[in-house]
Amino acid sequence: MMIRRFALSIGAVSLAVVGAIATPHSPTQAVQLSDGTVFFIAPPRFVGASSTNNSVNAWSVTYYFTLNHLENAGEPLQRVTIMQDEGTDTVRFSPKEIEAFEGTRQRLGTKLPLGEITTDRKSRTVTVNFNPPLPPGKIVTIALSPDRNPLYGGVYLFGVTAFPPGEKTHGQFLGFGRLNFYESGHPFFFR
């Protein structure tokens, strides 16, 4: 799965370079291919993921995913998808509990207005839309509150993909958020 994403990212970069050569643009425009597909000039950087509690089956937990939407992105940030790629248990999120803020987890700033938020349990994906889209030059942290932490300990990977605005956009995979969950010494959690 990771090799396929890496190959897709290389292909996207190659297409973006071709589009950048073929389509004139100013620093305030994204790369647009002849078929109308829009790319970021410089995609956001994935800063990292963290959890307020790493114990299995914990309640009242928040997962933070932080992105740096670079000054030279060329386009606002419209949408972010976060997909659980690995982990024994499926983590479920409620769209009503999802928020976004300027800044990092350590320094959360202004709460950002969000548009449509969807969760797809089958693909284990959360989609967060910014309304209005987030302008370049901002650090944003998306706060997801799961129903509970996973029942089983281990490494859980969440793939993060960013999209610019437009009818036909190319999502750019930014990396994996890695969360580790640990079993406590309580007899209930012994295997």
N, C-alpha and C. Protein backbone atom coordinates (compact mmCIF):
# COMPACT_ATOMS: atom_id res chain seq x y z
N MET A 1 0.82 -1.19 0.00
CA MET A 1 0.00 0.00 0.00
C MET A 1 0.87 1.25 0.00
N MET A 2 1.95 1.25 0.83
CA MET A 2 2.80 2.42 0.92
C MET A 2 3.57 2.62 -0.38
N ILE A 3 3.98 1.55 -1.02
CA ILE A 3 4.71 1.67 -2.29
C ILE A 3 3.81 2.28 -3.35
N ARG A 4 2.53 1.86 -3.37
CA ARG A 4 1.59 2.40 -4.34
C ARG A 4 1.42 3.90 -4.13
N ARG A 5 1.28 4.34 -2.85
CA ARG A 5 1.12 5.77 -2.57
C ARG A 5 2.37 6.54 -2.98
N PHE A 6 3.55 5.95 -2.72
CA PHE A 6 4.80 6.60 -3.11
C PHE A 6 4.86 6.76 -4.62
N ALA A 7 4.48 5.70 -5.36
CA ALA A 7 4.48 5.77 -6.82
C ALA A 7 3.48 6.81 -7.31
N LEU A 8 2.30 6.88 -6.68
CA LEU A 8 1.31 7.90 -7.06
C LEU A 8 1.84 9.30 -6.80
N SER A 9 2.55 9.48 -5.68
CA SER A 9 3.12 10.79 -5.35
C SER A 9 4.16 11.20 -6.38
N ILE A 10 5.02 10.25 -6.79
CA ILE A 10 6.04 10.54 -7.80
C ILE A 10 5.37 10.91 -9.12
N GLY A 11 4.31 10.16 -9.46
CA GLY A 11 3.58 10.47 -10.69
C GLY A 11 2.94 11.85 -10.63
N ALA A 12 2.40 12.20 -9.46
CA ALA A 12 1.77 13.51 -9.30
C ALA A 12 2.80 14.62 -9.44
N VAL A 13 3.97 14.43 -8.86
CA VAL A 13 5.02 15.44 -8.96
C VAL A 13 5.45 15.59 -10.41
N SER A 14 5.58 14.46 -11.13
CA SER A 14 5.96 14.52 -12.54
C SER A 14 4.93 15.28 -13.34
N LEU A 15 3.63 14.99 -13.09
CA LEU A 15 2.57 15.70 -13.80
C LEU A 15 2.58 17.18 -13.45
N ALA A 16 2.83 17.48 -12.17
CA ALA A 16 2.85 18.88 -11.74
C ALA A 16 3.97 19.64 -12.44
N VAL A 17 5.12 19.01 -12.58
CA VAL A 17 6.23 19.66 -13.27
C VAL A 17 5.87 19.91 -14.72
N VAL A 18 5.27 18.92 -15.38
CA VAL A 18 4.83 19.11 -16.77
C VAL A 18 3.82 20.24 -16.85
N GLY A 19 2.84 20.24 -15.90
CA GLY A 19 1.83 21.29 -15.89
C GLY A 19 2.43 22.65 -15.63
N ALA A 20 3.41 22.71 -14.75
CA ALA A 20 4.05 24.00 -14.43
C ALA A 20 4.76 24.55 -15.65
N ILE A 21 5.33 23.68 -16.45
CA ILE A 21 6.01 24.12 -17.66
C ILE A 21 5.00 24.53 -18.72
N ALA A 22 3.90 23.76 -18.80
CA ALA A 22 2.91 23.99 -19.85
C ALA A 22 1.94 25.11 -19.53
N THR A 23 1.71 25.40 -18.25
CA THR A 23 0.73 26.39 -17.85
C THR A 23 1.39 27.53 -17.11
N PRO A 24 1.36 28.75 -17.67
CA PRO A 24 1.95 29.86 -16.95
C PRO A 24 1.15 30.13 -15.67
N HIS A 25 1.84 30.54 -14.62
CA HIS A 25 1.14 30.85 -13.38
C HIS A 25 1.93 31.89 -12.59
N SER A 26 1.18 32.57 -11.74
CA SER A 26 1.82 33.50 -10.82
C SER A 26 1.93 32.81 -9.47
N PRO A 27 2.62 33.40 -8.50
CA PRO A 27 2.75 32.76 -7.19
C PRO A 27 1.41 32.54 -6.48
N THR A 28 0.33 33.17 -6.95
CA THR A 28 -0.95 33.00 -6.29
C THR A 28 -1.83 31.96 -6.98
N GLN A 29 -1.34 31.24 -7.96
CA GLN A 29 -2.12 30.22 -8.64
C GLN A 29 -1.49 28.85 -8.43
N ALA A 30 -2.35 27.84 -8.48
CA ALA A 30 -1.84 26.48 -8.38
C ALA A 30 -1.46 26.00 -9.77
N VAL A 31 -0.78 24.87 -9.81
CA VAL A 31 -0.47 24.24 -11.08
C VAL A 31 -1.75 23.65 -11.63
N GLN A 32 -2.05 23.95 -12.89
CA GLN A 32 -3.24 23.39 -13.52
C GLN A 32 -2.84 22.73 -14.83
N LEU A 33 -3.22 21.46 -14.96
CA LEU A 33 -2.92 20.72 -16.17
C LEU A 33 -3.90 21.09 -17.27
N SER A 34 -3.61 20.69 -18.49
CA SER A 34 -4.48 21.02 -19.62
C SER A 34 -5.88 20.42 -19.46
N ASP A 35 -6.02 19.32 -18.70
CA ASP A 35 -7.35 18.74 -18.49
C ASP A 35 -8.10 19.42 -17.34
N GLY A 36 -7.50 20.44 -16.73
CA GLY A 36 -8.15 21.20 -15.67
C GLY A 36 -7.83 20.73 -14.26
N THR A 37 -7.07 19.67 -14.12
CA THR A 37 -6.72 19.16 -12.79
C THR A 37 -5.80 20.15 -12.08
N VAL A 38 -6.14 20.48 -10.83
CA VAL A 38 -5.39 21.46 -10.06
C VAL A 38 -4.52 20.75 -9.01
N PHE A 39 -3.27 21.19 -8.90
CA PHE A 39 -2.31 20.71 -7.90
C PHE A 39 -1.84 21.90 -7.08
N PHE A 40 -1.34 21.63 -5.89
CA PHE A 40 -0.62 22.67 -5.14
C PHE A 40 0.75 22.87 -5.80
N ILE A 41 1.26 24.09 -5.79
CA ILE A 41 2.64 24.32 -6.21
C ILE A 41 3.56 23.66 -5.19
N ALA A 42 3.29 23.89 -3.92
CA ALA A 42 4.01 23.24 -2.82
C ALA A 42 2.94 22.71 -1.86
N PRO A 43 2.79 21.39 -1.79
CA PRO A 43 1.74 20.84 -0.92
C PRO A 43 2.02 21.14 0.55
N PRO A 44 0.97 21.13 1.37
CA PRO A 44 1.18 21.32 2.80
C PRO A 44 2.15 20.28 3.35
N ARG A 45 2.80 20.59 4.44
CA ARG A 45 3.71 19.65 5.11
C ARG A 45 2.97 19.04 6.29
N PHE A 46 3.06 17.74 6.43
CA PHE A 46 2.47 17.08 7.59
C PHE A 46 3.46 17.20 8.74
N VAL A 47 3.05 17.86 9.82
CA VAL A 47 3.92 18.11 10.96
C VAL A 47 3.91 16.90 11.90
N GLY A 48 2.74 16.31 12.13
CA GLY A 48 2.69 15.15 13.00
C GLY A 48 1.32 14.91 13.60
N ALA A 49 1.20 13.78 14.30
CA ALA A 49 -0.04 13.38 14.96
C ALA A 49 0.26 13.04 16.42
N SER A 50 -0.71 13.26 17.29
CA SER A 50 -0.56 12.91 18.69
C SER A 50 -1.93 12.63 19.29
N SER A 51 -1.93 12.00 20.45
CA SER A 51 -3.16 11.67 21.17
C SER A 51 -3.06 12.17 22.60
N THR A 52 -4.19 12.54 23.18
CA THR A 52 -4.19 12.99 24.57
C THR A 52 -4.10 11.82 25.54
N ASN A 53 -4.33 10.58 25.06
CA ASN A 53 -4.23 9.39 25.90
C ASN A 53 -3.91 8.21 25.01
N ASN A 54 -2.87 7.45 25.35
CA ASN A 54 -2.44 6.33 24.52
C ASN A 54 -2.76 4.97 25.14
N SER A 55 -3.69 4.93 26.08
CA SER A 55 -4.11 3.66 26.67
C SER A 55 -5.23 3.06 25.84
N VAL A 56 -5.21 1.72 25.69
CA VAL A 56 -6.29 1.08 24.93
C VAL A 56 -7.62 1.32 25.63
N ASN A 57 -8.66 1.40 24.83
CA ASN A 57 -10.04 1.53 25.28
C ASN A 57 -10.31 2.77 26.13
N ALA A 58 -9.45 3.79 26.07
CA ALA A 58 -9.68 5.03 26.81
C ALA A 58 -10.79 5.84 26.16
N TRP A 59 -11.53 6.55 26.99
CA TRP A 59 -12.63 7.41 26.52
C TRP A 59 -12.22 8.87 26.65
N SER A 60 -12.98 9.76 26.05
CA SER A 60 -12.73 11.21 26.14
C SER A 60 -11.31 11.53 25.68
N VAL A 61 -10.97 11.08 24.49
CA VAL A 61 -9.64 11.25 23.92
C VAL A 61 -9.74 12.14 22.68
N THR A 62 -8.66 12.85 22.37
CA THR A 62 -8.59 13.63 21.14
C THR A 62 -7.30 13.29 20.42
N TYR A 63 -7.40 13.12 19.09
CA TYR A 63 -6.23 12.92 18.24
C TYR A 63 -6.01 14.21 17.47
N TYR A 64 -4.77 14.69 17.43
CA TYR A 64 -4.43 15.93 16.74
C TYR A 64 -3.57 15.62 15.53
N PHE A 65 -3.94 16.20 14.38
CA PHE A 65 -3.16 16.09 13.14
C PHE A 65 -2.83 17.51 12.70
N THR A 66 -1.53 17.83 12.64
CA THR A 66 -1.10 19.20 12.35
C THR A 66 -0.43 19.28 10.98
N LEU A 67 -0.84 20.30 10.20
CA LEU A 67 -0.31 20.55 8.86
C LEU A 67 0.20 21.98 8.79
N ASN A 68 1.27 22.17 8.03
CA ASN A 68 1.78 23.50 7.74
C ASN A 68 1.45 23.79 6.28
N HIS A 69 0.47 24.69 6.07
CA HIS A 69 0.07 25.07 4.71
C HIS A 69 1.00 26.21 4.28
N LEU A 70 2.00 25.87 3.51
CA LEU A 70 3.11 26.76 3.19
C LEU A 70 2.69 28.02 2.44
N GLU A 71 3.48 29.09 2.63
CA GLU A 71 3.24 30.37 1.94
C GLU A 71 3.22 30.20 0.43
N ASN A 72 4.09 29.32 -0.10
CA ASN A 72 4.20 29.16 -1.55
C ASN A 72 3.33 28.03 -2.09
N ALA A 73 2.25 27.69 -1.37
CA ALA A 73 1.37 26.59 -1.79
C ALA A 73 0.70 26.89 -3.13
N GLY A 74 0.41 28.16 -3.39
CA GLY A 74 -0.22 28.52 -4.65
C GLY A 74 -1.73 28.47 -4.62
N GLU A 75 -2.32 27.76 -3.68
CA GLU A 75 -3.77 27.63 -3.56
C GLU A 75 -4.14 27.45 -2.10
N PRO A 76 -5.37 27.81 -1.75
CA PRO A 76 -5.83 27.52 -0.40
C PRO A 76 -5.98 26.01 -0.18
N LEU A 77 -6.13 25.64 1.06
CA LEU A 77 -6.37 24.25 1.43
C LEU A 77 -7.87 24.07 1.61
N GLN A 78 -8.48 23.26 0.76
CA GLN A 78 -9.93 23.05 0.79
C GLN A 78 -10.33 21.87 1.66
N ARG A 79 -9.59 20.76 1.52
CA ARG A 79 -10.05 19.51 2.13
C ARG A 79 -8.87 18.67 2.58
N VAL A 80 -9.07 17.94 3.68
CA VAL A 80 -8.08 17.00 4.19
C VAL A 80 -8.79 15.68 4.46
N THR A 81 -8.19 14.58 4.00
CA THR A 81 -8.71 13.27 4.37
C THR A 81 -7.70 12.59 5.28
N ILE A 82 -8.21 11.89 6.27
CA ILE A 82 -7.39 11.14 7.21
C ILE A 82 -7.93 9.71 7.19
N MET A 83 -7.11 8.77 6.70
CA MET A 83 -7.55 7.40 6.52
C MET A 83 -6.73 6.45 7.39
N GLN A 84 -7.43 5.65 8.20
CA GLN A 84 -6.72 4.65 8.99
C GLN A 84 -6.21 3.57 8.05
N ASP A 85 -4.89 3.44 8.01
CA ASP A 85 -4.26 2.51 7.08
C ASP A 85 -3.86 1.21 7.77
N GLU A 86 -3.46 1.29 9.02
CA GLU A 86 -3.05 0.10 9.78
C GLU A 86 -3.59 0.19 11.20
N GLY A 87 -3.75 -0.98 11.79
CA GLY A 87 -4.23 -1.08 13.17
C GLY A 87 -5.23 -2.21 13.28
N THR A 88 -5.14 -2.97 14.37
CA THR A 88 -5.98 -4.15 14.55
C THR A 88 -7.45 -3.80 14.67
N ASP A 89 -7.76 -2.72 15.38
CA ASP A 89 -9.14 -2.30 15.63
C ASP A 89 -9.44 -1.07 14.77
N THR A 90 -10.69 -0.94 14.34
CA THR A 90 -11.08 0.25 13.58
C THR A 90 -11.46 1.36 14.54
N VAL A 91 -10.84 2.53 14.36
CA VAL A 91 -11.15 3.69 15.19
C VAL A 91 -12.30 4.43 14.51
N ARG A 92 -13.34 4.71 15.29
CA ARG A 92 -14.54 5.38 14.75
C ARG A 92 -14.62 6.81 15.30
N PHE A 93 -14.98 7.72 14.39
CA PHE A 93 -15.07 9.14 14.76
C PHE A 93 -16.48 9.64 14.49
N SER A 94 -16.92 10.59 15.29
CA SER A 94 -18.20 11.25 15.07
C SER A 94 -17.94 12.59 14.39
N PRO A 95 -18.57 12.84 13.22
CA PRO A 95 -18.36 14.13 12.54
C PRO A 95 -18.68 15.34 13.41
N LYS A 96 -19.62 15.20 14.35
CA LYS A 96 -20.02 16.31 15.21
C LYS A 96 -18.93 16.72 16.19
N GLU A 97 -17.97 15.82 16.42
CA GLU A 97 -16.91 16.07 17.40
C GLU A 97 -15.60 16.55 16.76
N ILE A 98 -15.61 16.80 15.46
CA ILE A 98 -14.38 17.17 14.75
C ILE A 98 -14.27 18.70 14.67
N GLU A 99 -13.07 19.20 15.00
CA GLU A 99 -12.81 20.64 14.97
C GLU A 99 -11.46 20.89 14.33
N ALA A 100 -11.21 22.14 13.97
CA ALA A 100 -9.90 22.54 13.45
C ALA A 100 -9.54 23.91 14.03
N PHE A 101 -8.23 24.09 14.26
CA PHE A 101 -7.73 25.32 14.87
C PHE A 101 -6.49 25.78 14.15
N GLU A 102 -6.24 27.09 14.18
CA GLU A 102 -4.94 27.59 13.74
C GLU A 102 -3.93 27.23 14.82
N GLY A 103 -2.70 26.92 14.40
CA GLY A 103 -1.65 26.63 15.35
C GLY A 103 -1.44 25.14 15.56
N THR A 104 -0.58 24.83 16.53
CA THR A 104 -0.24 23.45 16.85
C THR A 104 -0.99 23.01 18.10
N ARG A 105 -0.90 21.73 18.41
CA ARG A 105 -1.58 21.21 19.61
C ARG A 105 -1.13 21.98 20.85
N GLN A 106 0.15 22.31 20.93
CA GLN A 106 0.67 23.01 22.09
C GLN A 106 0.18 24.45 22.17
N ARG A 107 -0.18 25.03 21.03
CA ARG A 107 -0.62 26.42 21.00
C ARG A 107 -1.81 26.58 20.07
N LEU A 108 -2.94 25.97 20.44
CA LEU A 108 -4.14 26.08 19.61
C LEU A 108 -4.63 27.52 19.61
N GLY A 109 -4.89 28.02 18.41
CA GLY A 109 -5.37 29.39 18.26
C GLY A 109 -6.85 29.41 17.92
N THR A 110 -7.19 30.28 16.98
CA THR A 110 -8.56 30.49 16.57
C THR A 110 -9.17 29.22 16.01
N LYS A 111 -10.41 28.95 16.41
CA LYS A 111 -11.15 27.83 15.85
C LYS A 111 -11.52 28.18 14.41
N LEU A 112 -11.30 27.25 13.48
CA LEU A 112 -11.55 27.50 12.06
C LEU A 112 -12.94 27.01 11.67
N PRO A 113 -13.63 27.77 10.82
CA PRO A 113 -14.95 27.32 10.37
C PRO A 113 -14.80 26.16 9.39
N LEU A 114 -15.60 25.13 9.60
CA LEU A 114 -15.55 23.95 8.75
C LEU A 114 -16.83 23.83 7.93
N GLY A 115 -16.69 23.22 6.76
CA GLY A 115 -17.83 22.89 5.92
C GLY A 115 -18.25 21.46 6.22
N GLU A 116 -18.55 20.73 5.18
CA GLU A 116 -19.00 19.34 5.32
C GLU A 116 -17.88 18.46 5.90
N ILE A 117 -18.28 17.64 6.86
CA ILE A 117 -17.38 16.65 7.46
C ILE A 117 -18.04 15.29 7.30
N THR A 118 -17.31 14.33 6.74
CA THR A 118 -17.90 13.01 6.56
C THR A 118 -16.96 11.94 7.12
N THR A 119 -17.56 10.84 7.52
CA THR A 119 -16.80 9.67 7.93
C THR A 119 -17.31 8.48 7.12
N ASP A 120 -16.40 7.66 6.67
CA ASP A 120 -16.75 6.45 5.92
C ASP A 120 -16.15 5.27 6.67
N ARG A 121 -16.99 4.53 7.35
CA ARG A 121 -16.50 3.42 8.19
C ARG A 121 -15.91 2.29 7.37
N LYS A 122 -16.43 2.10 6.16
CA LYS A 122 -15.92 1.02 5.31
C LYS A 122 -14.46 1.28 4.90
N SER A 123 -14.18 2.51 4.46
CA SER A 123 -12.80 2.85 4.04
C SER A 123 -11.97 3.40 5.21
N ARG A 124 -12.60 3.56 6.37
CA ARG A 124 -11.95 4.08 7.58
C ARG A 124 -11.35 5.47 7.32
N THR A 125 -12.16 6.33 6.66
CA THR A 125 -11.70 7.66 6.25
C THR A 125 -12.58 8.77 6.83
N VAL A 126 -11.92 9.83 7.29
CA VAL A 126 -12.58 11.06 7.72
C VAL A 126 -12.21 12.13 6.70
N THR A 127 -13.21 12.89 6.23
CA THR A 127 -12.97 13.99 5.30
C THR A 127 -13.41 15.29 5.95
N VAL A 128 -12.48 16.25 6.02
CA VAL A 128 -12.75 17.54 6.65
C VAL A 128 -12.61 18.62 5.58
N ASN A 129 -13.68 19.40 5.37
CA ASN A 129 -13.67 20.51 4.42
C ASN A 129 -13.61 21.83 5.19
N PHE A 130 -12.73 22.73 4.74
CA PHE A 130 -12.64 24.06 5.33
C PHE A 130 -13.57 25.00 4.57
N ASN A 131 -14.33 25.83 5.31
CA ASN A 131 -15.25 26.77 4.69
C ASN A 131 -15.18 28.10 5.43
N PRO A 132 -14.45 29.06 4.89
CA PRO A 132 -13.80 29.08 3.58
C PRO A 132 -12.49 28.28 3.59
N PRO A 133 -11.96 28.00 2.38
CA PRO A 133 -10.68 27.30 2.31
C PRO A 133 -9.59 28.06 3.06
N LEU A 134 -8.65 27.32 3.61
CA LEU A 134 -7.58 27.90 4.42
C LEU A 134 -6.52 28.52 3.53
N PRO A 135 -6.22 29.82 3.68
CA PRO A 135 -5.22 30.45 2.82
C PRO A 135 -3.80 29.94 3.13
N PRO A 136 -2.89 30.05 2.16
CA PRO A 136 -1.50 29.64 2.39
C PRO A 136 -0.89 30.43 3.55
N GLY A 137 0.14 29.83 4.15
CA GLY A 137 0.86 30.50 5.22
C GLY A 137 0.28 30.25 6.60
N LYS A 138 -0.52 29.22 6.76
CA LYS A 138 -1.14 28.92 8.05
C LYS A 138 -0.74 27.53 8.53
N ILE A 139 -0.62 27.38 9.83
CA ILE A 139 -0.49 26.07 10.44
C ILE A 139 -1.86 25.73 11.00
N VAL A 140 -2.34 24.53 10.68
CA VAL A 140 -3.67 24.11 11.10
C VAL A 140 -3.58 22.77 11.82
N THR A 141 -4.38 22.62 12.87
CA THR A 141 -4.47 21.36 13.59
C THR A 141 -5.91 20.89 13.57
N ILE A 142 -6.09 19.67 13.08
CA ILE A 142 -7.41 19.04 13.05
C ILE A 142 -7.53 18.15 14.28
N ALA A 143 -8.60 18.34 15.05
CA ALA A 143 -8.84 17.59 16.28
C ALA A 143 -9.96 16.59 16.05
N LEU A 144 -9.63 15.30 16.14
CA LEU A 144 -10.61 14.23 15.96
C LEU A 144 -10.85 13.57 17.31
N SER A 145 -12.11 13.40 17.67
CA SER A 145 -12.44 12.72 18.93
C SER A 145 -13.05 11.36 18.61
N PRO A 146 -12.31 10.28 18.88
CA PRO A 146 -12.86 8.96 18.61
C PRO A 146 -13.92 8.59 19.65
N ASP A 147 -14.77 7.62 19.30
CA ASP A 147 -15.72 7.10 20.28
C ASP A 147 -14.95 6.58 21.49
N ARG A 148 -13.80 5.96 21.24
CA ARG A 148 -12.89 5.46 22.27
C ARG A 148 -11.60 5.07 21.56
N ASN A 149 -10.54 4.88 22.32
CA ASN A 149 -9.30 4.36 21.74
C ASN A 149 -9.52 2.90 21.34
N PRO A 150 -8.63 2.35 20.49
CA PRO A 150 -8.77 0.96 20.08
C PRO A 150 -8.74 0.01 21.28
N LEU A 151 -9.38 -1.16 21.12
CA LEU A 151 -9.38 -2.18 22.16
C LEU A 151 -8.05 -2.90 22.25
N TYR A 152 -7.29 -2.89 21.15
CA TYR A 152 -6.03 -3.63 21.09
C TYR A 152 -4.87 -2.67 20.92
N GLY A 153 -3.81 -2.92 21.67
CA GLY A 153 -2.62 -2.09 21.58
C GLY A 153 -1.87 -2.31 20.28
N GLY A 154 -0.93 -1.42 20.03
CA GLY A 154 -0.09 -1.52 18.84
C GLY A 154 0.03 -0.20 18.11
N VAL A 155 0.59 -0.28 16.91
CA VAL A 155 0.80 0.89 16.07
C VAL A 155 -0.41 1.06 15.15
N TYR A 156 -0.92 2.28 15.09
CA TYR A 156 -2.03 2.63 14.21
C TYR A 156 -1.55 3.75 13.30
N LEU A 157 -1.65 3.54 12.00
CA LEU A 157 -1.20 4.53 11.02
C LEU A 157 -2.40 5.18 10.34
N PHE A 158 -2.33 6.51 10.19
CA PHE A 158 -3.38 7.29 9.55
C PHE A 158 -2.76 8.09 8.41
N GLY A 159 -3.16 7.79 7.17
CA GLY A 159 -2.66 8.51 6.01
C GLY A 159 -3.37 9.85 5.86
N VAL A 160 -2.61 10.91 5.60
CA VAL A 160 -3.15 12.27 5.50
C VAL A 160 -2.95 12.77 4.07
N THR A 161 -4.05 13.21 3.44
CA THR A 161 -4.02 13.72 2.06
C THR A 161 -4.69 15.09 2.03
N ALA A 162 -4.10 16.04 1.29
CA ALA A 162 -4.62 17.40 1.19
C ALA A 162 -5.07 17.70 -0.23
N PHE A 163 -6.11 18.54 -0.36
CA PHE A 163 -6.68 18.91 -1.65
C PHE A 163 -6.85 20.43 -1.75
N PRO A 164 -6.51 21.03 -2.90
CA PRO A 164 -6.83 22.44 -3.12
C PRO A 164 -8.30 22.56 -3.54
N PRO A 165 -8.84 23.78 -3.62
CA PRO A 165 -10.22 23.93 -4.08
C PRO A 165 -10.32 23.68 -5.59
N GLY A 166 -11.50 23.39 -6.04
CA GLY A 166 -11.74 23.21 -7.47
C GLY A 166 -12.60 22.00 -7.74
N GLU A 167 -13.14 21.97 -8.95
CA GLU A 167 -13.99 20.85 -9.34
C GLU A 167 -13.17 19.60 -9.63
N LYS A 168 -11.96 19.79 -10.14
CA LYS A 168 -11.11 18.66 -10.48
C LYS A 168 -9.75 18.90 -9.84
N THR A 169 -9.52 18.24 -8.71
CA THR A 169 -8.28 18.46 -7.96
C THR A 169 -7.55 17.15 -7.75
N HIS A 170 -6.26 17.26 -7.57
CA HIS A 170 -5.44 16.09 -7.26
C HIS A 170 -5.03 16.18 -5.80
N GLY A 171 -5.47 15.19 -5.02
CA GLY A 171 -5.06 15.13 -3.62
C GLY A 171 -3.60 14.73 -3.52
N GLN A 172 -2.89 15.38 -2.65
CA GLN A 172 -1.47 15.07 -2.48
C GLN A 172 -1.25 14.42 -1.12
N PHE A 173 -0.76 13.17 -1.15
CA PHE A 173 -0.51 12.42 0.08
C PHE A 173 0.64 13.08 0.83
N LEU A 174 0.43 13.38 2.12
CA LEU A 174 1.41 14.12 2.91
C LEU A 174 2.23 13.24 3.84
N GLY A 175 1.72 12.06 4.16
CA GLY A 175 2.44 11.17 5.06
C GLY A 175 1.49 10.47 6.00
N PHE A 176 2.09 9.72 6.94
CA PHE A 176 1.32 8.95 7.91
C PHE A 176 1.46 9.55 9.30
N GLY A 177 0.32 9.67 9.99
CA GLY A 177 0.33 9.97 11.41
C GLY A 177 0.40 8.64 12.14
N ARG A 178 1.36 8.50 13.04
CA ARG A 178 1.57 7.24 13.76
C ARG A 178 1.17 7.43 15.21
N LEU A 179 0.19 6.64 15.64
CA LEU A 179 -0.23 6.66 17.04
C LEU A 179 -0.01 5.27 17.63
N ASN A 180 0.62 5.21 18.81
CA ASN A 180 0.87 3.95 19.51
C ASN A 180 -0.09 3.87 20.69
N PHE A 181 -0.73 2.71 20.84
CA PHE A 181 -1.63 2.49 21.96
C PHE A 181 -1.10 1.32 22.78
N TYR A 182 -1.19 1.48 24.11
CA TYR A 182 -0.58 0.52 25.03
C TYR A 182 -1.62 -0.08 25.95
N GLU A 183 -1.44 -1.35 26.26
CA GLU A 183 -2.31 -2.04 27.19
C GLU A 183 -1.81 -1.78 28.61
N SER A 184 -2.74 -1.57 29.54
CA SER A 184 -2.37 -1.29 30.92
C SER A 184 -2.19 -2.60 31.68
N GLY A 185 -1.85 -2.50 32.96
CA GLY A 185 -1.65 -3.68 33.78
C GLY A 185 -2.96 -4.24 34.34
N HIS A 186 -4.08 -3.66 34.01
CA HIS A 186 -5.37 -4.14 34.51
C HIS A 186 -5.64 -5.53 33.94
N PRO A 187 -6.12 -6.47 34.78
CA PRO A 187 -6.33 -7.85 34.32
C PRO A 187 -7.25 -7.94 33.11
N PHE A 188 -8.17 -7.01 32.96
CA PHE A 188 -9.09 -7.04 31.82
C PHE A 188 -8.34 -7.00 30.49
N PHE A 189 -7.15 -6.36 30.48
CA PHE A 189 -6.43 -6.17 29.22
C PHE A 189 -5.39 -7.25 28.95
N PHE A 190 -5.20 -8.21 29.88
CA PHE A 190 -4.24 -9.28 29.60
C PHE A 190 -4.76 -10.19 28.51
N ARG A 191 -3.86 -10.69 27.68
CA ARG A 191 -4.27 -11.60 26.61
C ARG A 191 -4.07 -13.03 27.04
